[in-house]
Amino acid sequence: MEDCVKRIGELERLFSDNQYYGRGKDAFFIEEGIVPVMVSAPHAVKQFRDGKIKKADVYTGGIARYLHEVTGCHLICSGRYTENDPNYDQPGSNAYQDALLEYLNGRRIAALLDLHGVVKEREYAIELGTVPTLSEEDTSLHEYKFIADLLIGIFESGFKECSCEKKSVWKNKIFSAGNQNTVTKFISENTDTVCVQLEINRIYREPENRKEFAALIRSLREVIGFLAAYDWK
């Protein structure tokens, strides 16, 4: 666990430098993987929305980069602040989503996990967003509806032994990924890739909270392991 915390802290510095304005050479970057799963962290640095600078979702970038290293998943992350929001701006003015779509169209990537963060005051540990509509609960999962229950089961099992009282896993209660131009909504509407937005409580993203942080990393690795091994044919 110590090595994991240290490594994620090192990887996070790319984003946390300059008070989370980041020090990446480009606004975002993509790194190739070897398994059919991609992890996205569009709010790894501060972003600009509706005339305001919004805080970064701390450690989503470091965690995403770590998952790329240890699982071989594909990776896309914001690298430095620009006056846009990759999880909000409309197509045509959203370089992050446009590049991601082009990348996915050229490869066999079955699933995308889009990492985000919520404040510690939220009542849950993590919330899944799967773009529900009036007629369908999980449109971003396409025909693989079981994926939602699978992820919920993995996270609930992983968080069971944590000392934190906030262990519940929600889906589509507050952040459904369907109310704006989210990465999950845009990519699921324009590809066959299964997409899930993950809103992670700050408690589980703080390395100081060792049990919660370790449980989150183990659970994410287990999720990616399943998605990578599943026969998508």
C-alpha atoms as a PDB file:
ATOM      1  CA  MET A   1       0.000   0.000   0.000  1.00  0.00           C
ATOM      2  CA  GLU A   2       2.860   2.376   0.815  1.00  0.00           C
ATOM      3  CA  ASP A   3       4.304   1.948  -2.679  1.00  0.00           C
ATOM      4  CA  CYS A   4       0.863   2.562  -4.203  1.00  0.00           C
ATOM      5  CA  VAL A   5       0.334   5.778  -2.229  1.00  0.00           C
ATOM      6  CA  LYS A   6       3.829   7.020  -3.038  1.00  0.00           C
ATOM      7  CA  ARG A   7       3.499   6.293  -6.743  1.00  0.00           C
ATOM      8  CA  ILE A   8       0.072   7.903  -7.082  1.00  0.00           C
ATOM      9  CA  GLY A   9       1.388  10.955  -5.230  1.00  0.00           C
ATOM     10  CA  GLU A  10       4.234  11.198  -7.733  1.00  0.00           C
ATOM     11  CA  LEU A  11       1.870  10.846 -10.684  1.00  0.00           C
ATOM     12  CA  GLU A  12      -0.492  13.445  -9.237  1.00  0.00           C
ATOM     13  CA  ARG A  13       2.171  16.167  -9.293  1.00  0.00           C
ATOM     14  CA  LEU A  14       1.662  16.673 -13.013  1.00  0.00           C
ATOM     15  CA  PHE A  15      -1.782  18.026 -12.121  1.00  0.00           C
ATOM     16  CA  SER A  16      -1.282  19.495  -8.625  1.00  0.00           C
ATOM     17  CA  ASP A  17       1.654  21.713  -9.622  1.00  0.00           C
ATOM     18  CA  ASN A  18       0.819  25.402  -9.886  1.00  0.00           C
ATOM     19  CA  GLN A  19      -2.199  24.988  -7.568  1.00  0.00           C
ATOM     20  CA  TYR A  20      -3.867  22.455  -9.867  1.00  0.00           C
ATOM     21  CA  TYR A  21      -3.479  24.519 -12.991  1.00  0.00           C
ATOM     22  CA  GLY A  22      -1.162  21.678 -13.996  1.00  0.00           C
ATOM     23  CA  ARG A  23       2.164  21.584 -15.790  1.00  0.00           C
ATOM     24  CA  GLY A  24       1.321  19.411 -18.778  1.00  0.00           C
ATOM     25  CA  LYS A  25       2.698  20.497 -22.136  1.00  0.00           C
ATOM     26  CA  ASP A  26      -0.736  20.054 -23.714  1.00  0.00           C
ATOM     27  CA  ALA A  27      -4.284  20.658 -22.518  1.00  0.00           C
ATOM     28  CA  PHE A  28      -4.801  16.882 -22.459  1.00  0.00           C
ATOM     29  CA  PHE A  29      -2.902  13.749 -23.366  1.00  0.00           C
ATOM     30  CA  ILE A  30      -3.667  10.184 -24.448  1.00  0.00           C
ATOM     31  CA  GLU A  31      -1.547   7.135 -23.677  1.00  0.00           C
ATOM     32  CA  GLU A  32      -1.926   3.792 -25.429  1.00  0.00           C
ATOM     33  CA  GLY A  33      -2.977   0.708 -23.495  1.00  0.00           C
ATOM     34  CA  ILE A  34      -2.960  -3.036 -24.093  1.00  0.00           C
ATOM     35  CA  VAL A  35      -6.389  -4.036 -22.755  1.00  0.00           C
ATOM     36  CA  PRO A  36      -9.809  -3.002 -24.196  1.00  0.00           C
ATOM     37  CA  VAL A  37     -10.557  -0.552 -21.371  1.00  0.00           C
ATOM     38  CA  MET A  38      -9.934   3.200 -21.201  1.00  0.00           C
ATOM     39  CA  VAL A  39      -9.835   5.484 -18.166  1.00  0.00           C
ATOM     40  CA  SER A  40     -10.579   9.206 -18.460  1.00  0.00           C
ATOM     41  CA  ALA A  41      -9.881  12.049 -16.014  1.00  0.00           C
ATOM     42  CA  PRO A  42     -11.162  15.292 -17.595  1.00  0.00           C
ATOM     43  CA  HIS A  43     -11.154  17.253 -14.327  1.00  0.00           C
ATOM     44  CA  ALA A  44      -7.649  16.299 -13.193  1.00  0.00           C
ATOM     45  CA  VAL A  45      -6.845  20.039 -13.267  1.00  0.00           C
ATOM     46  CA  LYS A  46      -8.984  23.123 -12.787  1.00  0.00           C
ATOM     47  CA  GLN A  47     -11.509  23.849 -15.515  1.00  0.00           C
ATOM     48  CA  PHE A  48     -13.540  26.826 -16.731  1.00  0.00           C
ATOM     49  CA  ARG A  49     -17.337  26.722 -16.909  1.00  0.00           C
ATOM     50  CA  ASP A  50     -20.014  29.401 -17.131  1.00  0.00           C
ATOM     51  CA  GLY A  51     -17.530  32.205 -16.526  1.00  0.00           C
ATOM     52  CA  LYS A  52     -15.958  30.623 -13.437  1.00  0.00           C
ATOM     53  CA  ILE A  53     -12.848  28.611 -12.639  1.00  0.00           C
ATOM     54  CA  LYS A  54     -13.860  25.323 -11.019  1.00  0.00           C
ATOM     55  CA  LYS A  55     -11.733  23.217  -8.711  1.00  0.00           C
ATOM     56  CA  ALA A  56      -9.950  20.105  -9.896  1.00  0.00           C
ATOM     57  CA  ASP A  57     -11.203  16.667  -8.877  1.00  0.00           C
ATOM     58  CA  VAL A  58      -8.068  15.966  -6.901  1.00  0.00           C
ATOM     59  CA  TYR A  59      -6.284  12.633  -7.346  1.00  0.00           C
ATOM     60  CA  THR A  60      -8.490  11.540 -10.255  1.00  0.00           C
ATOM     61  CA  GLY A  61      -5.537  12.227 -12.545  1.00  0.00           C
ATOM     62  CA  GLY A  62      -2.974  10.449 -10.391  1.00  0.00           C
ATOM     63  CA  ILE A  63      -5.284   7.473  -9.929  1.00  0.00           C
ATOM     64  CA  ALA A  64      -5.998   7.295 -13.659  1.00  0.00           C
ATOM     65  CA  ARG A  65      -2.288   7.362 -14.519  1.00  0.00           C
ATOM     66  CA  TYR A  66      -1.590   4.671 -11.903  1.00  0.00           C
ATOM     67  CA  LEU A  67      -4.328   2.436 -13.312  1.00  0.00           C
ATOM     68  CA  HIS A  68      -2.760   2.851 -16.752  1.00  0.00           C
ATOM     69  CA  GLU A  69       0.585   1.695 -15.343  1.00  0.00           C
ATOM     70  CA  VAL A  70      -0.653  -1.329 -13.418  1.00  0.00           C
ATOM     71  CA  THR A  71      -3.501  -2.608 -15.599  1.00  0.00           C
ATOM     72  CA  GLY A  72      -2.479  -1.618 -19.122  1.00  0.00           C
ATOM     73  CA  CYS A  73      -5.677   0.350 -19.712  1.00  0.00           C
ATOM     74  CA  HIS A  74      -5.746   3.193 -22.238  1.00  0.00           C
ATOM     75  CA  LEU A  75      -5.652   6.676 -20.714  1.00  0.00           C
ATOM     76  CA  ILE A  76      -6.860  10.211 -21.408  1.00  0.00           C
ATOM     77  CA  CYS A  77      -6.328  13.048 -18.926  1.00  0.00           C
ATOM     78  CA  SER A  78      -6.445  16.815 -18.839  1.00  0.00           C
ATOM     79  CA  GLY A  79      -2.883  18.046 -18.409  1.00  0.00           C
ATOM     80  CA  ARG A  80      -3.121  21.782 -17.843  1.00  0.00           C
ATOM     81  CA  TYR A  81      -5.754  24.444 -17.350  1.00  0.00           C
ATOM     82  CA  THR A  82      -7.430  26.019 -20.363  1.00  0.00           C
ATOM     83  CA  GLU A  83     -10.578  28.085 -20.497  1.00  0.00           C
ATOM     84  CA  ASN A  84     -12.882  25.160 -21.170  1.00  0.00           C
ATOM     85  CA  ASP A  85     -14.478  22.147 -19.503  1.00  0.00           C
ATOM     86  CA  PRO A  86     -13.956  18.761 -21.188  1.00  0.00           C
ATOM     87  CA  ASN A  87     -17.000  17.329 -19.415  1.00  0.00           C
ATOM     88  CA  TYR A  88     -19.347  20.144 -20.385  1.00  0.00           C
ATOM     89  CA  ASP A  89     -18.436  22.035 -23.559  1.00  0.00           C
ATOM     90  CA  GLN A  90     -20.374  21.227 -26.714  1.00  0.00           C
ATOM     91  CA  PRO A  91     -19.081  19.088 -29.603  1.00  0.00           C
ATOM     92  CA  GLY A  92     -16.985  21.092 -32.031  1.00  0.00           C
ATOM     93  CA  SER A  93     -15.621  23.253 -29.210  1.00  0.00           C
ATOM     94  CA  ASN A  94     -14.506  20.348 -27.047  1.00  0.00           C
ATOM     95  CA  ALA A  95     -11.085  19.152 -28.162  1.00  0.00           C
ATOM     96  CA  TYR A  96     -10.867  16.552 -25.368  1.00  0.00           C
ATOM     97  CA  GLN A  97     -14.032  14.745 -26.453  1.00  0.00           C
ATOM     98  CA  ASP A  98     -13.258  15.127 -30.160  1.00  0.00           C
ATOM     99  CA  ALA A  99      -9.816  13.553 -29.699  1.00  0.00           C
ATOM    100  CA  LEU A 100     -11.238  10.795 -27.511  1.00  0.00           C
ATOM    101  CA  LEU A 101     -13.882   9.947 -30.100  1.00  0.00           C
ATOM    102  CA  GLU A 102     -11.276   9.780 -32.858  1.00  0.00           C
ATOM    103  CA  TYR A 103      -9.061   7.576 -30.694  1.00  0.00           C
ATOM    104  CA  LEU A 104     -11.865   5.150 -29.883  1.00  0.00           C
ATOM    105  CA  ASN A 105     -13.001   4.934 -33.487  1.00  0.00           C
ATOM    106  CA  GLY A 106      -9.563   3.670 -34.470  1.00  0.00           C
ATOM    107  CA  ARG A 107      -9.318   0.935 -31.812  1.00  0.00           C
ATOM    108  CA  ARG A 108     -11.205  -1.942 -30.246  1.00  0.00           C
ATOM    109  CA  ILE A 109     -11.924  -0.463 -26.806  1.00  0.00           C
ATOM    110  CA  ALA A 110     -14.977  -1.972 -25.161  1.00  0.00           C
ATOM    111  CA  ALA A 111     -15.367   0.127 -22.002  1.00  0.00           C
ATOM    112  CA  LEU A 112     -14.631   3.631 -20.744  1.00  0.00           C
ATOM    113  CA  LEU A 113     -14.490   4.661 -17.078  1.00  0.00           C
ATOM    114  CA  ASP A 114     -14.719   8.446 -16.607  1.00  0.00           C
ATOM    115  CA  LEU A 115     -13.369   9.466 -13.189  1.00  0.00           C
ATOM    116  CA  HIS A 116     -14.724  12.447 -11.251  1.00  0.00           C
ATOM    117  CA  GLY A 117     -14.845  13.616  -7.661  1.00  0.00           C
ATOM    118  CA  VAL A 118     -17.439  14.891  -5.204  1.00  0.00           C
ATOM    119  CA  VAL A 119     -16.987  16.571  -1.834  1.00  0.00           C
ATOM    120  CA  LYS A 120     -16.690  14.506   1.334  1.00  0.00           C
ATOM    121  CA  GLU A 121     -20.074  15.786   2.554  1.00  0.00           C
ATOM    122  CA  ARG A 122     -21.908  13.656  -0.002  1.00  0.00           C
ATOM    123  CA  GLU A 123     -23.747  10.729   1.546  1.00  0.00           C
ATOM    124  CA  TYR A 124     -22.247   8.020  -0.647  1.00  0.00           C
ATOM    125  CA  ALA A 125     -18.847   6.523  -1.421  1.00  0.00           C
ATOM    126  CA  ILE A 126     -19.265   6.497  -5.169  1.00  0.00           C
ATOM    127  CA  GLU A 127     -22.027   7.143  -7.698  1.00  0.00           C
ATOM    128  CA  LEU A 128     -22.375   5.595 -11.143  1.00  0.00           C
ATOM    129  CA  GLY A 129     -23.763   7.710 -13.971  1.00  0.00           C
ATOM    130  CA  THR A 130     -25.203   5.753 -16.902  1.00  0.00           C
ATOM    131  CA  VAL A 131     -27.253   8.396 -18.755  1.00  0.00           C
ATOM    132  CA  PRO A 132     -30.840   7.319 -17.962  1.00  0.00           C
ATOM    133  CA  THR A 133     -33.783   8.416 -20.112  1.00  0.00           C
ATOM    134  CA  LEU A 134     -37.543   8.162 -19.652  1.00  0.00           C
ATOM    135  CA  SER A 135     -37.566   4.841 -21.475  1.00  0.00           C
ATOM    136  CA  GLU A 136     -34.209   3.319 -20.511  1.00  0.00           C
ATOM    137  CA  GLU A 137     -32.235   3.296 -17.271  1.00  0.00           C
ATOM    138  CA  ASP A 138     -28.695   2.656 -18.534  1.00  0.00           C
ATOM    139  CA  THR A 139     -28.326   3.961 -22.074  1.00  0.00           C
ATOM    140  CA  SER A 140     -24.550   4.377 -21.809  1.00  0.00           C
ATOM    141  CA  LEU A 141     -24.178   0.622 -21.227  1.00  0.00           C
ATOM    142  CA  HIS A 142     -25.813  -0.299 -24.552  1.00  0.00           C
ATOM    143  CA  GLU A 143     -26.821  -3.989 -24.407  1.00  0.00           C
ATOM    144  CA  TYR A 144     -24.528  -4.720 -21.439  1.00  0.00           C
ATOM    145  CA  LYS A 145     -26.895  -3.613 -18.679  1.00  0.00           C
ATOM    146  CA  PHE A 146     -25.432  -6.092 -16.193  1.00  0.00           C
ATOM    147  CA  ILE A 147     -22.275  -3.961 -16.000  1.00  0.00           C
ATOM    148  CA  ALA A 148     -23.979  -1.539 -13.582  1.00  0.00           C
ATOM    149  CA  ASP A 149     -24.837  -4.265 -11.067  1.00  0.00           C
ATOM    150  CA  LEU A 150     -21.383  -5.768 -11.485  1.00  0.00           C
ATOM    151  CA  LEU A 151     -19.641  -2.477 -10.665  1.00  0.00           C
ATOM    152  CA  ILE A 152     -21.963  -1.794  -7.748  1.00  0.00           C
ATOM    153  CA  GLY A 153     -21.195  -5.256  -6.342  1.00  0.00           C
ATOM    154  CA  ILE A 154     -17.429  -4.813  -6.710  1.00  0.00           C
ATOM    155  CA  PHE A 155     -17.417  -1.404  -5.037  1.00  0.00           C
ATOM    156  CA  GLU A 156     -19.776  -2.410  -2.220  1.00  0.00           C
ATOM    157  CA  SER A 157     -17.642  -5.464  -1.481  1.00  0.00           C
ATOM    158  CA  GLY A 158     -14.466  -3.410  -1.633  1.00  0.00           C
ATOM    159  CA  PHE A 159     -15.763  -0.727   0.725  1.00  0.00           C
ATOM    160  CA  LYS A 160     -17.326  -3.127   3.223  1.00  0.00           C
ATOM    161  CA  GLU A 161     -14.377  -3.211   5.630  1.00  0.00           C
ATOM    162  CA  CYS A 162     -13.677   0.535   5.538  1.00  0.00           C
ATOM    163  CA  SER A 163     -13.939   2.494   8.778  1.00  0.00           C
ATOM    164  CA  CYS A 164     -15.761   5.332   6.999  1.00  0.00           C
ATOM    165  CA  GLU A 165     -19.545   5.354   7.466  1.00  0.00           C
ATOM    166  CA  LYS A 166     -20.092   6.351   3.818  1.00  0.00           C
ATOM    167  CA  LYS A 167     -19.944   2.989   2.069  1.00  0.00           C
ATOM    168  CA  SER A 168     -23.017   3.100  -0.151  1.00  0.00           C
ATOM    169  CA  VAL A 169     -22.821   2.985  -3.946  1.00  0.00           C
ATOM    170  CA  TRP A 170     -25.450   5.020  -5.792  1.00  0.00           C
ATOM    171  CA  LYS A 171     -26.517   5.131  -9.402  1.00  0.00           C
ATOM    172  CA  ASN A 172     -28.126   8.025 -11.287  1.00  0.00           C
ATOM    173  CA  LYS A 173     -29.436   9.815  -8.191  1.00  0.00           C
ATOM    174  CA  ILE A 174     -27.522  13.106  -8.417  1.00  0.00           C
ATOM    175  CA  PHE A 175     -24.908  12.820 -11.152  1.00  0.00           C
ATOM    176  CA  SER A 176     -26.422  10.686 -13.886  1.00  0.00           C
ATOM    177  CA  ALA A 177     -24.036  11.899 -16.640  1.00  0.00           C
ATOM    178  CA  GLY A 178     -27.092  12.738 -18.727  1.00  0.00           C
ATOM    179  CA  ASN A 179     -27.905  16.355 -17.875  1.00  0.00           C
ATOM    180  CA  GLN A 180     -25.180  18.017 -19.965  1.00  0.00           C
ATOM    181  CA  ASN A 181     -22.563  17.174 -22.579  1.00  0.00           C
ATOM    182  CA  THR A 182     -20.595  14.747 -20.408  1.00  0.00           C
ATOM    183  CA  VAL A 183     -17.832  12.503 -21.676  1.00  0.00           C
ATOM    184  CA  THR A 184     -19.979   9.491 -20.812  1.00  0.00           C
ATOM    185  CA  LYS A 185     -23.002  10.768 -22.690  1.00  0.00           C
ATOM    186  CA  PHE A 186     -21.115  11.977 -25.768  1.00  0.00           C
ATOM    187  CA  ILE A 187     -18.997   8.858 -26.210  1.00  0.00           C
ATOM    188  CA  SER A 188     -21.826   6.401 -25.554  1.00  0.00           C
ATOM    189  CA  GLU A 189     -24.044   8.206 -28.080  1.00  0.00           C
ATOM    190  CA  ASN A 190     -21.369   8.161 -30.761  1.00  0.00           C
ATOM    191  CA  THR A 191     -19.693   4.766 -30.265  1.00  0.00           C
ATOM    192  CA  ASP A 192     -20.515   1.237 -29.118  1.00  0.00           C
ATOM    193  CA  THR A 193     -18.201   1.681 -26.130  1.00  0.00           C
ATOM    194  CA  VAL A 194     -19.760   0.955 -22.735  1.00  0.00           C
ATOM    195  CA  CYS A 195     -19.346   4.145 -20.675  1.00  0.00           C
ATOM    196  CA  VAL A 196     -19.708   4.774 -16.942  1.00  0.00           C
ATOM    197  CA  GLN A 197     -19.183   8.025 -15.067  1.00  0.00           C
ATOM    198  CA  LEU A 198     -17.777   7.470 -11.572  1.00  0.00           C
ATOM    199  CA  GLU A 199     -18.268  10.249  -9.006  1.00  0.00           C
ATOM    200  CA  ILE A 200     -15.923   9.410  -6.148  1.00  0.00           C
ATOM    201  CA  ASN A 201     -16.232  10.848  -2.641  1.00  0.00           C
ATOM    202  CA  ARG A 202     -13.239  12.941  -1.528  1.00  0.00           C
ATOM    203  CA  ILE A 203     -12.801  10.672   1.502  1.00  0.00           C
ATOM    204  CA  TYR A 204     -11.875   7.788  -0.816  1.00  0.00           C
ATOM    205  CA  ARG A 205      -9.548   9.960  -2.904  1.00  0.00           C
ATOM    206  CA  GLU A 206      -7.403  11.127   0.028  1.00  0.00           C
ATOM    207  CA  PRO A 207      -4.258   8.990   0.497  1.00  0.00           C
ATOM    208  CA  GLU A 208      -4.293   9.937   4.197  1.00  0.00           C
ATOM    209  CA  ASN A 209      -7.438   7.834   4.564  1.00  0.00           C
ATOM    210  CA  ARG A 210      -5.469   4.635   3.995  1.00  0.00           C
ATOM    211  CA  LYS A 211      -8.265   2.063   4.211  1.00  0.00           C
ATOM    212  CA  GLU A 212     -10.637   3.994   1.985  1.00  0.00           C
ATOM    213  CA  PHE A 213      -7.951   4.921  -0.549  1.00  0.00           C
ATOM    214  CA  ALA A 214      -6.679   1.345  -0.742  1.00  0.00           C
ATOM    215  CA  ALA A 215     -10.213   0.003  -1.117  1.00  0.00           C
ATOM    216  CA  LEU A 216     -10.885   2.381  -3.997  1.00  0.00           C
ATOM    217  CA  ILE A 217      -7.708   1.432  -5.867  1.00  0.00           C
ATOM    218  CA  ARG A 218      -8.276  -2.306  -5.355  1.00  0.00           C
ATOM    219  CA  SER A 219     -11.866  -1.996  -6.533  1.00  0.00           C
ATOM    220  CA  LEU A 220     -10.947   0.001  -9.634  1.00  0.00           C
ATOM    221  CA  ARG A 221      -8.281  -2.556 -10.512  1.00  0.00           C
ATOM    222  CA  GLU A 222     -10.827  -5.346 -10.086  1.00  0.00           C
ATOM    223  CA  VAL A 223     -13.329  -3.534 -12.304  1.00  0.00           C
ATOM    224  CA  ILE A 224     -10.748  -3.024 -15.028  1.00  0.00           C
ATOM    225  CA  GLY A 225      -9.587  -6.624 -14.679  1.00  0.00           C
ATOM    226  CA  PHE A 226     -13.109  -7.911 -15.295  1.00  0.00           C
ATOM    227  CA  LEU A 227     -13.801  -5.555 -18.180  1.00  0.00           C
ATOM    228  CA  ALA A 228     -10.476  -6.460 -19.768  1.00  0.00           C
ATOM    229  CA  ALA A 229     -11.099 -10.204 -19.522  1.00  0.00           C
ATOM    230  CA  TYR A 230     -14.771 -10.218 -20.542  1.00  0.00           C
ATOM    231  CA  ASP A 231     -15.635 -11.726 -23.928  1.00  0.00           C
ATOM    232  CA  TRP A 232     -17.235  -8.706 -25.613  1.00  0.00           C
ATOM    233  CA  LYS A 233     -17.974 -10.680 -28.773  1.00  0.00           C
END
